[in-house]
Protein backbone atom coordinates (compact mmCIF):
# COMPACT_ATOMS: atom_id res chain seq x y z
CA MET A 1 1.03 -26.87 -10.21
CA LEU A 2 0.37 -26.24 -6.78
CA ASP A 3 -3.05 -26.24 -6.08
CA LEU A 4 -3.42 -23.00 -4.06
CA THR A 5 -5.13 -19.74 -4.49
CA GLU A 6 -3.27 -16.62 -5.55
CA ALA A 7 -4.05 -14.98 -2.15
CA ASP A 8 -2.67 -18.33 -0.23
CA VAL A 9 0.38 -18.18 -2.02
CA GLY A 10 0.94 -14.50 -1.43
CA ALA A 11 0.08 -14.87 2.14
CA ALA A 12 2.71 -17.77 2.54
CA ILE A 13 5.42 -15.97 0.93
CA HIS A 14 5.04 -13.01 3.16
CA SER A 15 5.22 -15.21 5.93
CA ILE A 16 7.96 -17.29 4.92
CA LYS A 17 10.01 -13.83 3.94
CA ALA A 18 9.24 -12.50 7.38
CA ALA A 19 10.54 -15.57 9.38
CA ALA A 20 13.66 -15.78 7.38
CA ARG A 21 14.22 -11.93 7.79
CA LEU A 22 14.06 -11.44 4.17
CA ARG A 23 12.27 -8.21 2.57
CA GLY A 24 9.87 -7.97 -0.19
CA ALA A 25 12.32 -7.53 -2.79
CA ASP A 26 14.65 -10.37 -2.02
CA ASN A 27 14.48 -13.16 -4.51
CA ILE A 28 13.19 -16.66 -3.71
CA VAL A 29 12.67 -19.72 -5.63
CA ILE A 30 9.49 -21.84 -5.22
CA TYR A 31 9.86 -25.77 -6.33
CA ASP A 32 6.63 -27.57 -7.66
CA ASN A 33 6.60 -29.34 -4.07
CA GLY A 34 6.31 -26.13 -2.16
CA ASP A 35 9.52 -25.81 -1.16
CA VAL A 36 11.09 -22.15 -0.92
CA THR A 37 14.43 -21.19 -0.95
CA ASP A 38 16.41 -17.97 -0.76
CA ALA A 39 18.77 -16.80 -3.16
CA ARG A 40 21.50 -18.79 -1.95
CA GLY A 41 19.81 -22.02 -2.24
CA GLU A 42 18.93 -22.52 1.36
CA GLU A 43 15.45 -23.77 2.37
CA ILE A 44 13.47 -21.10 4.14
CA GLY A 45 10.00 -22.60 4.00
CA ASN A 46 7.53 -24.59 2.17
CA LEU A 47 4.12 -23.01 1.03
CA TYR A 48 2.22 -26.03 2.28
CA ASP A 49 3.25 -25.30 5.52
CA GLU A 50 1.74 -21.84 6.41
CA ASP A 51 -1.62 -21.57 7.68
């Protein structure tokens, strides 16, 4: 469980994808610790690092 609101997760995902130059339809993976990777498995951010 990430212990974040749905709104916080959504905002963080948008920020992380924008910083990684990904589009909304691009796939990502979110791990239990908040790490986010792109479809190639490269870490592009962490949900807890976003404001």
